[in-house]
Structure formats: structure tokens, C-alpha cells
Amino acid sequence: QRITDVRRAANLRAGATGIRYTIYVDGYESHLYYGDDYRWFVEGKKK
């Protein structure tokens, strides 16, 4: 629905770096990453 920030960032929990998009989906803020391996991912809440 909306993108509020785009920046290069590390996701230390998932062990990845890339472009982090701060997005809104269904009214909730989340992060979507375009990793340095050219794959899109979101961070899972649990293993």
C-alpha cells in the first residue's frame, strides 16, 4: 500500500544484507528485503 523508506541495510537476525523497503501491507508496517543474492525475502518471526 505504501513505501515509507528505502535504504541499504543489514538484517542481522536473518544474516543478510541488501536493500530494505519499509512497507505497509493491510495497514501494518513491515520490512521487505531485496538481498545481495537478488532474491526477495521478509523476516520470519520464528525459526
All heavy atoms as atom14 arrays in JSON, in Angstrom:
{
  "sequence": "QRITDVRRAANLRAGATGIRYTIYVDGYESHLYYGDDYRWFVEGKKK",
  "atom14_mask": [
    [1, 1, 1, 1, 1, 1, 1, 1, 1, 0, 0, 0, 0, 0],
    [1, 1, 1, 1, 1, 1, 1, 1, 1, 1, 1, 0, 0, 0],
    [1, 1, 1, 1, 1, 1, 1, 1, 0, 0, 0, 0, 0, 0],
    [1, 1, 1, 1, 1, 1, 1, 0, 0, 0, 0, 0, 0, 0],
    [1, 1, 1, 1, 1, 1, 1, 1, 0, 0, 0, 0, 0, 0],
    [1, 1, 1, 1, 1, 1, 1, 0, 0, 0, 0, 0, 0, 0],
    [1, 1, 1, 1, 1, 1, 1, 1, 1, 1, 1, 0, 0, 0],
    [1, 1, 1, 1, 1, 1, 1, 1, 1, 1, 1, 0, 0, 0],
    [1, 1, 1, 1, 1, 0, 0, 0, 0, 0, 0, 0, 0, 0],
    [1, 1, 1, 1, 1, 0, 0, 0, 0, 0, 0, 0, 0, 0],
    [1, 1, 1, 1, 1, 1, 1, 1, 0, 0, 0, 0, 0, 0],
    [1, 1, 1, 1, 1, 1, 1, 1, 0, 0, 0, 0, 0, 0],
    [1, 1, 1, 1, 1, 1, 1, 1, 1, 1, 1, 0, 0, 0],
    [1, 1, 1, 1, 1, 0, 0, 0, 0, 0, 0, 0, 0, 0],
    [1, 1, 1, 1, 0, 0, 0, 0, 0, 0, 0, 0, 0, 0],
    [1, 1, 1, 1, 1, 0, 0, 0, 0, 0, 0, 0, 0, 0],
    [1, 1, 1, 1, 1, 1, 1, 0, 0, 0, 0, 0, 0, 0],
    [1, 1, 1, 1, 0, 0, 0, 0, 0, 0, 0, 0, 0, 0],
    [1, 1, 1, 1, 1, 1, 1, 1, 0, 0, 0, 0, 0, 0],
    [1, 1, 1, 1, 1, 1, 1, 1, 1, 1, 1, 0, 0, 0],
    [1, 1, 1, 1, 1, 1, 1, 1, 1, 1, 1, 1, 0, 0],
    [1, 1, 1, 1, 1, 1, 1, 0, 0, 0, 0, 0, 0, 0],
    [1, 1, 1, 1, 1, 1, 1, 1, 0, 0, 0, 0, 0, 0],
    [1, 1, 1, 1, 1, 1, 1, 1, 1, 1, 1, 1, 0, 0],
    [1, 1, 1, 1, 1, 1, 1, 0, 0, 0, 0, 0, 0, 0],
    [1, 1, 1, 1, 1, 1, 1, 1, 0, 0, 0, 0, 0, 0],
    [1, 1, 1, 1, 0, 0, 0, 0, 0, 0, 0, 0, 0, 0],
    [1, 1, 1, 1, 1, 1, 1, 1, 1, 1, 1, 1, 0, 0],
    [1, 1, 1, 1, 1, 1, 1, 1, 1, 0, 0, 0, 0, 0],
    [1, 1, 1, 1, 1, 1, 0, 0, 0, 0, 0, 0, 0, 0],
    [1, 1, 1, 1, 1, 1, 1, 1, 1, 1, 0, 0, 0, 0],
    [1, 1, 1, 1, 1, 1, 1, 1, 0, 0, 0, 0, 0, 0],
    [1, 1, 1, 1, 1, 1, 1, 1, 1, 1, 1, 1, 0, 0],
    [1, 1, 1, 1, 1, 1, 1, 1, 1, 1, 1, 1, 0, 0],
    [1, 1, 1, 1, 0, 0, 0, 0, 0, 0, 0, 0, 0, 0],
    [1, 1, 1, 1, 1, 1, 1, 1, 0, 0, 0, 0, 0, 0],
    [1, 1, 1, 1, 1, 1, 1, 1, 0, 0, 0, 0, 0, 0],
    [1, 1, 1, 1, 1, 1, 1, 1, 1, 1, 1, 1, 0, 0],
    [1, 1, 1, 1, 1, 1, 1, 1, 1, 1, 1, 0, 0, 0],
    [1, 1, 1, 1, 1, 1, 1, 1, 1, 1, 1, 1, 1, 1],
    [1, 1, 1, 1, 1, 1, 1, 1, 1, 1, 1, 0, 0, 0],
    [1, 1, 1, 1, 1, 1, 1, 0, 0, 0, 0, 0, 0, 0],
    [1, 1, 1, 1, 1, 1, 1, 1, 1, 0, 0, 0, 0, 0],
    [1, 1, 1, 1, 0, 0, 0, 0, 0, 0, 0, 0, 0, 0],
    [1, 1, 1, 1, 1, 1, 1, 1, 1, 0, 0, 0, 0, 0],
    [1, 1, 1, 1, 1, 1, 1, 1, 1, 0, 0, 0, 0, 0],
    [1, 1, 1, 1, 1, 1, 1, 1, 1, 0, 0, 0, 0, 0]
  ],
  "atom14_positions": [
    [[0.8, -1.21, 0.0], [0.0, 0.0, 0.0], [0.84, 1.27, 0.0], [0.44, 2.28, -0.57], [-0.94, 0.0, 1.21], [-1.91, -1.15, 1.16], [-2.57, -1.4, 2.5], [-1.98, -1.2, 3.55], [-3.81, -1.86, 2.45], [0.0, 0.0, 0.0], [0.0, 0.0, 0.0], [0.0, 0.0, 0.0], [0.0, 0.0, 0.0], [0.0, 0.0, 0.0]],
    [[1.99, 1.2, 0.66], [2.83, 2.39, 0.78], [4.25, 1.97, 1.09], [4.48, 0.98, 1.78], [2.28, 3.27, 1.9], [2.97, 4.58, 2.05], [2.22, 5.51, 2.99], [1.69, 4.83, 4.15], [1.65, 5.34, 5.37], [2.1, 6.55, 5.59], [1.14, 4.66, 6.36], [0.0, 0.0, 0.0], [0.0, 0.0, 0.0], [0.0, 0.0, 0.0]],
    [[5.22, 2.73, 0.58], [6.63, 2.56, 0.9], [7.08, 3.84, 1.59], [6.94, 4.93, 1.05], [7.47, 2.33, -0.37], [6.99, 1.08, -1.11], [8.95, 2.22, -0.02], [7.59, 0.91, -2.49], [0.0, 0.0, 0.0], [0.0, 0.0, 0.0], [0.0, 0.0, 0.0], [0.0, 0.0, 0.0], [0.0, 0.0, 0.0], [0.0, 0.0, 0.0]],
    [[7.57, 3.71, 2.82], [7.96, 4.89, 3.57], [9.47, 5.1, 3.65], [9.92, 6.18, 4.0], [7.39, 4.85, 5.0], [7.86, 3.67, 5.66], [5.87, 4.87, 4.97], [0.0, 0.0, 0.0], [0.0, 0.0, 0.0], [0.0, 0.0, 0.0], [0.0, 0.0, 0.0], [0.0, 0.0, 0.0], [0.0, 0.0, 0.0], [0.0, 0.0, 0.0]],
    [[10.26, 4.06, 3.34], [11.71, 4.2, 3.41], [12.36, 3.13, 2.55], [11.87, 2.0, 2.47], [12.18, 4.05, 4.86], [13.66, 4.36, 5.03], [14.1, 5.42, 4.55], [14.36, 3.53, 5.65], [0.0, 0.0, 0.0], [0.0, 0.0, 0.0], [0.0, 0.0, 0.0], [0.0, 0.0, 0.0], [0.0, 0.0, 0.0], [0.0, 0.0, 0.0]],
    [[13.45, 3.5, 1.9], [14.26, 2.56, 1.13], [15.71, 2.87, 1.46], [16.16, 4.01, 1.32], [14.04, 2.72, -0.4], [14.92, 1.73, -1.16], [12.58, 2.54, -0.76], [0.0, 0.0, 0.0], [0.0, 0.0, 0.0], [0.0, 0.0, 0.0], [0.0, 0.0, 0.0], [0.0, 0.0, 0.0], [0.0, 0.0, 0.0], [0.0, 0.0, 0.0]],
    [[16.44, 1.86, 1.94], [17.85, 2.06, 2.29], [18.6, 0.75, 2.29], [17.99, -0.31, 2.43], [17.99, 2.74, 3.65], [17.56, 1.84, 4.81], [17.79, 2.47, 6.15], [16.91, 3.61, 6.28], [17.08, 4.57, 7.17], [18.08, 4.52, 8.02], [16.24, 5.57, 7.25], [0.0, 0.0, 0.0], [0.0, 0.0, 0.0], [0.0, 0.0, 0.0]],
    [[19.9, 0.85, 2.12], [20.75, -0.33, 2.25], [20.85, -0.64, 3.73], [21.11, 0.25, 4.54], [22.12, -0.05, 1.66], [23.01, -1.24, 1.71], [24.04, -1.21, 0.59], [24.8, -2.45, 0.59], [24.38, -3.59, 0.09], [23.22, -3.65, -0.49], [25.11, -4.67, 0.14], [0.0, 0.0, 0.0], [0.0, 0.0, 0.0], [0.0, 0.0, 0.0]],
    [[20.61, -1.9, 4.08], [20.61, -2.27, 5.49], [20.96, -3.73, 5.65], [20.78, -4.54, 4.74], [19.25, -1.99, 6.11], [0.0, 0.0, 0.0], [0.0, 0.0, 0.0], [0.0, 0.0, 0.0], [0.0, 0.0, 0.0], [0.0, 0.0, 0.0], [0.0, 0.0, 0.0], [0.0, 0.0, 0.0], [0.0, 0.0, 0.0], [0.0, 0.0, 0.0]],
    [[21.44, -4.06, 6.83], [21.72, -5.44, 7.2], [20.58, -5.96, 8.06], [20.03, -5.23, 8.88], [23.03, -5.54, 7.96], [0.0, 0.0, 0.0], [0.0, 0.0, 0.0], [0.0, 0.0, 0.0], [0.0, 0.0, 0.0], [0.0, 0.0, 0.0], [0.0, 0.0, 0.0], [0.0, 0.0, 0.0], [0.0, 0.0, 0.0], [0.0, 0.0, 0.0]],
    [[20.24, -7.2, 7.85], [19.28, -7.88, 8.71], [20.12, -8.87, 9.5], [20.42, -9.96, 9.02], [18.2, -8.57, 7.89], [17.18, -9.25, 8.76], [17.53, -9.97, 9.68], [15.92, -9.01, 8.46], [0.0, 0.0, 0.0], [0.0, 0.0, 0.0], [0.0, 0.0, 0.0], [0.0, 0.0, 0.0], [0.0, 0.0, 0.0], [0.0, 0.0, 0.0]],
    [[20.52, -8.49, 10.7], [21.43, -9.32, 11.48], [20.79, -10.62, 11.94], [21.45, -11.64, 12.03], [21.95, -8.53, 12.68], [22.73, -7.26, 12.32], [23.15, -6.52, 13.57], [23.92, -7.58, 11.44], [0.0, 0.0, 0.0], [0.0, 0.0, 0.0], [0.0, 0.0, 0.0], [0.0, 0.0, 0.0], [0.0, 0.0, 0.0], [0.0, 0.0, 0.0]],
    [[19.5, -10.58, 12.19], [18.79, -11.79, 12.64], [18.77, -12.85, 11.54], [18.97, -14.03, 11.79], [17.38, -11.41, 13.05], [16.61, -12.54, 13.65], [15.29, -12.03, 14.18], [14.59, -13.11, 14.81], [13.38, -13.0, 15.29], [12.75, -11.85, 15.23], [12.79, -14.03, 15.84], [0.0, 0.0, 0.0], [0.0, 0.0, 0.0], [0.0, 0.0, 0.0]],
    [[18.51, -12.42, 10.32], [18.45, -13.36, 9.2], [19.82, -13.56, 8.55], [19.98, -14.44, 7.72], [17.45, -12.86, 8.15], [0.0, 0.0, 0.0], [0.0, 0.0, 0.0], [0.0, 0.0, 0.0], [0.0, 0.0, 0.0], [0.0, 0.0, 0.0], [0.0, 0.0, 0.0], [0.0, 0.0, 0.0], [0.0, 0.0, 0.0], [0.0, 0.0, 0.0]],
    [[20.78, -12.73, 8.89], [22.12, -12.88, 8.36], [22.21, -12.49, 6.9], [22.72, -13.25, 6.08], [0.0, 0.0, 0.0], [0.0, 0.0, 0.0], [0.0, 0.0, 0.0], [0.0, 0.0, 0.0], [0.0, 0.0, 0.0], [0.0, 0.0, 0.0], [0.0, 0.0, 0.0], [0.0, 0.0, 0.0], [0.0, 0.0, 0.0], [0.0, 0.0, 0.0]],
    [[21.72, -11.3, 6.56], [21.71, -10.89, 5.16], [21.86, -9.38, 5.06], [21.56, -8.64, 6.0], [20.41, -11.31, 4.49], [0.0, 0.0, 0.0], [0.0, 0.0, 0.0], [0.0, 0.0, 0.0], [0.0, 0.0, 0.0], [0.0, 0.0, 0.0], [0.0, 0.0, 0.0], [0.0, 0.0, 0.0], [0.0, 0.0, 0.0], [0.0, 0.0, 0.0]],
    [[22.31, -8.93, 3.9], [22.35, -7.5, 3.6], [21.67, -7.29, 2.26], [21.56, -8.2, 1.45], [23.79, -6.96, 3.53], [24.5, -7.69, 2.52], [24.5, -7.08, 4.86], [0.0, 0.0, 0.0], [0.0, 0.0, 0.0], [0.0, 0.0, 0.0], [0.0, 0.0, 0.0], [0.0, 0.0, 0.0], [0.0, 0.0, 0.0], [0.0, 0.0, 0.0]],
    [[21.24, -6.06, 2.05], [20.59, -5.72, 0.8], [19.84, -4.42, 0.93], [20.12, -3.61, 1.81], [0.0, 0.0, 0.0], [0.0, 0.0, 0.0], [0.0, 0.0, 0.0], [0.0, 0.0, 0.0], [0.0, 0.0, 0.0], [0.0, 0.0, 0.0], [0.0, 0.0, 0.0], [0.0, 0.0, 0.0], [0.0, 0.0, 0.0], [0.0, 0.0, 0.0]],
    [[18.86, -4.24, 0.07], [18.02, -3.05, 0.11], [16.78, -3.37, 0.95], [16.07, -4.33, 0.67], [17.59, -2.62, -1.31], [18.81, -2.43, -2.2], [16.74, -1.35, -1.24], [19.78, -1.37, -1.73], [0.0, 0.0, 0.0], [0.0, 0.0, 0.0], [0.0, 0.0, 0.0], [0.0, 0.0, 0.0], [0.0, 0.0, 0.0], [0.0, 0.0, 0.0]],
    [[16.56, -2.57, 1.99], [15.41, -2.77, 2.87], [14.33, -1.76, 2.52], [14.57, -0.55, 2.51], [15.79, -2.6, 4.33], [14.61, -2.87, 5.27], [14.96, -2.62, 6.7], [15.05, -1.17, 6.91], [15.55, -0.62, 8.0], [16.01, -1.37, 8.98], [15.6, 0.69, 8.12], [0.0, 0.0, 0.0], [0.0, 0.0, 0.0], [0.0, 0.0, 0.0]],
    [[13.15, -2.26, 2.24], [11.97, -1.44, 1.97], [11.09, -1.48, 3.2], [10.7, -2.57, 3.64], [11.19, -1.98, 0.77], [11.92, -1.9, -0.54], [12.89, -2.83, -0.88], [11.64, -0.88, -1.44], [13.57, -2.75, -2.09], [12.32, -0.8, -2.65], [13.28, -1.73, -2.96], [13.94, -1.65, -4.16], [0.0, 0.0, 0.0], [0.0, 0.0, 0.0]],
    [[10.78, -0.33, 3.77], [9.79, -0.25, 4.83], [8.46, -0.04, 4.13], [8.27, 0.96, 3.44], [10.09, 0.89, 5.81], [11.41, 0.7, 6.34], [9.08, 0.94, 6.94], [0.0, 0.0, 0.0], [0.0, 0.0, 0.0], [0.0, 0.0, 0.0], [0.0, 0.0, 0.0], [0.0, 0.0, 0.0], [0.0, 0.0, 0.0], [0.0, 0.0, 0.0]],
    [[7.58, -1.02, 4.29], [6.33, -1.02, 3.53], [5.14, -1.14, 4.48], [5.28, -1.52, 5.64], [6.3, -2.18, 2.52], [6.39, -3.53, 3.23], [7.39, -2.02, 1.48], [6.17, -4.73, 2.33], [0.0, 0.0, 0.0], [0.0, 0.0, 0.0], [0.0, 0.0, 0.0], [0.0, 0.0, 0.0], [0.0, 0.0, 0.0], [0.0, 0.0, 0.0]],
    [[3.96, -0.81, 3.94], [2.7, -1.04, 4.64], [1.87, -2.01, 3.81], [1.68, -1.81, 2.62], [1.94, 0.27, 4.85], [2.45, 1.02, 6.05], [3.58, 1.81, 5.96], [1.81, 0.91, 7.28], [4.07, 2.48, 7.06], [2.29, 1.58, 8.39], [3.41, 2.36, 8.28], [3.89, 3.02, 9.38], [0.0, 0.0, 0.0], [0.0, 0.0, 0.0]],
    [[1.41, -3.07, 4.49], [0.55, -4.08, 3.89], [-0.61, -4.3, 4.84], [-0.39, -4.57, 6.03], [1.32, -5.4, 3.66], [0.39, -6.49, 3.17], [2.48, -5.2, 2.71], [0.0, 0.0, 0.0], [0.0, 0.0, 0.0], [0.0, 0.0, 0.0], [0.0, 0.0, 0.0], [0.0, 0.0, 0.0], [0.0, 0.0, 0.0], [0.0, 0.0, 0.0]],
    [[-1.82, -4.15, 4.35], [-3.03, -4.28, 5.18], [-2.96, -3.39, 6.42], [-3.42, -3.76, 7.5], [-3.26, -5.73, 5.6], [-3.73, -6.6, 4.45], [-4.2, -6.03, 3.43], [-3.64, -7.83, 4.55], [0.0, 0.0, 0.0], [0.0, 0.0, 0.0], [0.0, 0.0, 0.0], [0.0, 0.0, 0.0], [0.0, 0.0, 0.0], [0.0, 0.0, 0.0]],
    [[-2.35, -2.21, 6.28], [-2.27, -1.26, 7.37], [-1.15, -1.48, 8.36], [-1.0, -0.73, 9.31], [0.0, 0.0, 0.0], [0.0, 0.0, 0.0], [0.0, 0.0, 0.0], [0.0, 0.0, 0.0], [0.0, 0.0, 0.0], [0.0, 0.0, 0.0], [0.0, 0.0, 0.0], [0.0, 0.0, 0.0], [0.0, 0.0, 0.0], [0.0, 0.0, 0.0]],
    [[-0.34, -2.54, 8.17], [0.74, -2.86, 9.09], [2.09, -2.57, 8.45], [2.32, -2.9, 7.29], [0.69, -4.34, 9.5], [-0.51, -4.68, 10.33], [-1.64, -5.23, 9.74], [-0.51, -4.45, 11.7], [-2.76, -5.54, 10.5], [-1.62, -4.76, 12.47], [-2.74, -5.3, 11.86], [-3.83, -5.6, 12.61], [0.0, 0.0, 0.0], [0.0, 0.0, 0.0]],
    [[3.0, -2.02, 9.25], [4.36, -1.77, 8.78], [5.15, -3.07, 8.79], [5.04, -3.87, 9.72], [5.05, -0.74, 9.67], [6.44, -0.38, 9.19], [7.12, 0.63, 10.08], [6.94, 1.84, 9.83], [7.79, 0.21, 11.04], [0.0, 0.0, 0.0], [0.0, 0.0, 0.0], [0.0, 0.0, 0.0], [0.0, 0.0, 0.0], [0.0, 0.0, 0.0]],
    [[5.96, -3.26, 7.77], [6.81, -4.44, 7.67], [8.05, -4.07, 6.88], [8.14, -2.98, 6.32], [6.04, -5.56, 6.97], [6.79, -6.75, 7.0], [0.0, 0.0, 0.0], [0.0, 0.0, 0.0], [0.0, 0.0, 0.0], [0.0, 0.0, 0.0], [0.0, 0.0, 0.0], [0.0, 0.0, 0.0], [0.0, 0.0, 0.0], [0.0, 0.0, 0.0]],
    [[9.0, -4.99, 6.84], [10.2, -4.79, 6.04], [10.29, -5.88, 4.98], [10.1, -7.06, 5.27], [11.46, -4.83, 6.9], [11.57, -3.66, 7.82], [11.51, -3.78, 9.18], [11.69, -2.34, 7.56], [11.62, -2.58, 9.73], [11.72, -1.69, 8.76], [0.0, 0.0, 0.0], [0.0, 0.0, 0.0], [0.0, 0.0, 0.0], [0.0, 0.0, 0.0]],
    [[10.58, -5.45, 3.78], [10.8, -6.34, 2.65], [12.22, -6.08, 2.17], [12.62, -4.92, 2.02], [9.79, -6.02, 1.54], [9.94, -6.74, 0.21], [9.7, -8.25, 0.38], [8.97, -6.16, -0.81], [0.0, 0.0, 0.0], [0.0, 0.0, 0.0], [0.0, 0.0, 0.0], [0.0, 0.0, 0.0], [0.0, 0.0, 0.0], [0.0, 0.0, 0.0]],
    [[12.97, -7.14, 1.96], [14.37, -7.01, 1.57], [14.6, -7.53, 0.15], [14.04, -8.56, -0.22], [15.27, -7.82, 2.51], [15.36, -7.27, 3.91], [14.39, -7.58, 4.85], [16.41, -6.44, 4.27], [14.47, -7.08, 6.14], [16.5, -5.95, 5.56], [15.53, -6.26, 6.49], [15.6, -5.77, 7.76], [0.0, 0.0, 0.0], [0.0, 0.0, 0.0]],
    [[15.42, -6.81, -0.58], [15.96, -7.3, -1.85], [17.42, -7.59, -1.56], [18.27, -6.69, -1.5], [15.79, -6.27, -2.96], [16.21, -6.77, -4.31], [15.6, -7.9, -4.87], [17.2, -6.14, -5.04], [15.98, -8.36, -6.11], [17.57, -6.59, -6.29], [16.96, -7.71, -6.82], [17.34, -8.17, -8.04], [0.0, 0.0, 0.0], [0.0, 0.0, 0.0]],
    [[17.72, -8.86, -1.32], [19.04, -9.26, -0.85], [20.12, -9.14, -1.9], [19.87, -9.03, -3.1], [0.0, 0.0, 0.0], [0.0, 0.0, 0.0], [0.0, 0.0, 0.0], [0.0, 0.0, 0.0], [0.0, 0.0, 0.0], [0.0, 0.0, 0.0], [0.0, 0.0, 0.0], [0.0, 0.0, 0.0], [0.0, 0.0, 0.0], [0.0, 0.0, 0.0]],
    [[21.35, -9.15, -1.43], [22.5, -9.09, -2.33], [22.59, -10.3, -3.25], [23.33, -10.28, -4.23], [23.79, -8.94, -1.52], [23.94, -7.56, -0.9], [23.25, -6.62, -1.36], [24.76, -7.41, 0.03], [0.0, 0.0, 0.0], [0.0, 0.0, 0.0], [0.0, 0.0, 0.0], [0.0, 0.0, 0.0], [0.0, 0.0, 0.0], [0.0, 0.0, 0.0]],
    [[21.82, -11.35, -2.95], [21.76, -12.53, -3.82], [20.63, -12.41, -4.85], [20.27, -13.37, -5.51], [21.59, -13.8, -3.0], [20.32, -13.83, -2.16], [19.58, -12.81, -2.15], [20.06, -14.85, -1.52], [0.0, 0.0, 0.0], [0.0, 0.0, 0.0], [0.0, 0.0, 0.0], [0.0, 0.0, 0.0], [0.0, 0.0, 0.0], [0.0, 0.0, 0.0]],
    [[20.05, -11.18, -4.96], [18.99, -10.87, -5.94], [17.71, -11.66, -5.69], [16.99, -12.0, -6.61], [19.48, -11.08, -7.38], [20.76, -10.35, -7.66], [21.96, -11.04, -7.81], [20.78, -8.97, -7.75], [23.14, -10.37, -8.06], [21.96, -8.29, -7.99], [23.14, -8.99, -8.14], [24.31, -8.33, -8.36], [0.0, 0.0, 0.0], [0.0, 0.0, 0.0]],
    [[17.42, -11.92, -4.41], [16.19, -12.61, -4.03], [15.45, -11.75, -3.02], [16.06, -11.1, -2.17], [16.51, -13.98, -3.41], [17.2, -14.91, -4.39], [17.68, -16.17, -3.73], [16.55, -17.04, -3.45], [16.62, -18.08, -2.64], [17.74, -18.38, -2.02], [15.56, -18.83, -2.44], [0.0, 0.0, 0.0], [0.0, 0.0, 0.0], [0.0, 0.0, 0.0]],
    [[14.12, -11.76, -3.1], [13.27, -11.01, -2.18], [12.95, -11.88, -0.97], [12.66, -13.07, -1.11], [11.96, -10.62, -2.85], [12.11, -9.62, -3.94], [12.26, -9.87, -5.27], [12.13, -8.2, -3.81], [12.37, -8.69, -5.97], [12.28, -7.64, -5.1], [12.01, -7.33, -2.72], [12.32, -6.27, -5.32], [12.04, -5.97, -2.95], [12.2, -5.46, -4.23]],
    [[12.99, -11.28, 0.24], [12.58, -12.02, 1.43], [12.01, -11.07, 2.48], [12.25, -9.87, 2.46], [13.74, -12.84, 2.02], [14.83, -12.03, 2.69], [14.79, -11.77, 4.04], [15.91, -11.56, 1.95], [15.8, -11.04, 4.66], [16.92, -10.84, 2.56], [16.87, -10.58, 3.92], [0.0, 0.0, 0.0], [0.0, 0.0, 0.0], [0.0, 0.0, 0.0]],
    [[11.23, -11.66, 3.37], [10.75, -10.98, 4.57], [11.32, -11.73, 5.76], [11.69, -12.9, 5.65], [9.21, -10.91, 4.64], [8.65, -10.06, 3.53], [8.6, -12.29, 4.62], [0.0, 0.0, 0.0], [0.0, 0.0, 0.0], [0.0, 0.0, 0.0], [0.0, 0.0, 0.0], [0.0, 0.0, 0.0], [0.0, 0.0, 0.0], [0.0, 0.0, 0.0]],
    [[11.4, -11.06, 6.89], [11.93, -11.7, 8.08], [10.82, -12.47, 8.77], [9.75, -11.93, 9.04], [12.49, -10.66, 9.04], [13.11, -11.27, 10.27], [13.67, -10.24, 11.2], [14.48, -9.4, 10.76], [13.29, -10.26, 12.38], [0.0, 0.0, 0.0], [0.0, 0.0, 0.0], [0.0, 0.0, 0.0], [0.0, 0.0, 0.0], [0.0, 0.0, 0.0]],
    [[11.08, -13.75, 9.03], [10.13, -14.57, 9.77], [10.2, -14.23, 11.25], [11.23, -13.78, 11.75], [0.0, 0.0, 0.0], [0.0, 0.0, 0.0], [0.0, 0.0, 0.0], [0.0, 0.0, 0.0], [0.0, 0.0, 0.0], [0.0, 0.0, 0.0], [0.0, 0.0, 0.0], [0.0, 0.0, 0.0], [0.0, 0.0, 0.0], [0.0, 0.0, 0.0]],
    [[9.12, -14.44, 11.95], [9.06, -14.12, 13.37], [9.67, -15.23, 14.23], [10.12, -14.98, 15.33], [7.61, -13.9, 13.82], [6.91, -12.81, 13.05], [7.56, -11.47, 13.27], [6.79, -10.4, 12.55], [7.54, -9.22, 12.28], [0.0, 0.0, 0.0], [0.0, 0.0, 0.0], [0.0, 0.0, 0.0], [0.0, 0.0, 0.0], [0.0, 0.0, 0.0]],
    [[9.66, -16.46, 13.72], [10.18, -17.6, 14.46], [11.07, -18.41, 13.55], [10.96, -18.35, 12.33], [9.05, -18.5, 14.95], [8.1, -17.87, 15.9], [7.04, -18.89, 16.29], [6.05, -18.3, 17.27], [5.04, -19.28, 17.67], [0.0, 0.0, 0.0], [0.0, 0.0, 0.0], [0.0, 0.0, 0.0], [0.0, 0.0, 0.0], [0.0, 0.0, 0.0]],
    [[11.92, -19.22, 14.15], [12.68, -20.17, 13.36], [11.71, -21.17, 12.75], [10.65, -21.44, 13.3], [13.69, -20.93, 14.24], [14.83, -20.09, 14.72], [15.81, -20.95, 15.48], [16.98, -20.13, 15.94], [17.98, -20.94, 16.65], [0.0, 0.0, 0.0], [0.0, 0.0, 0.0], [0.0, 0.0, 0.0], [0.0, 0.0, 0.0], [0.0, 0.0, 0.0]]
  ]
}
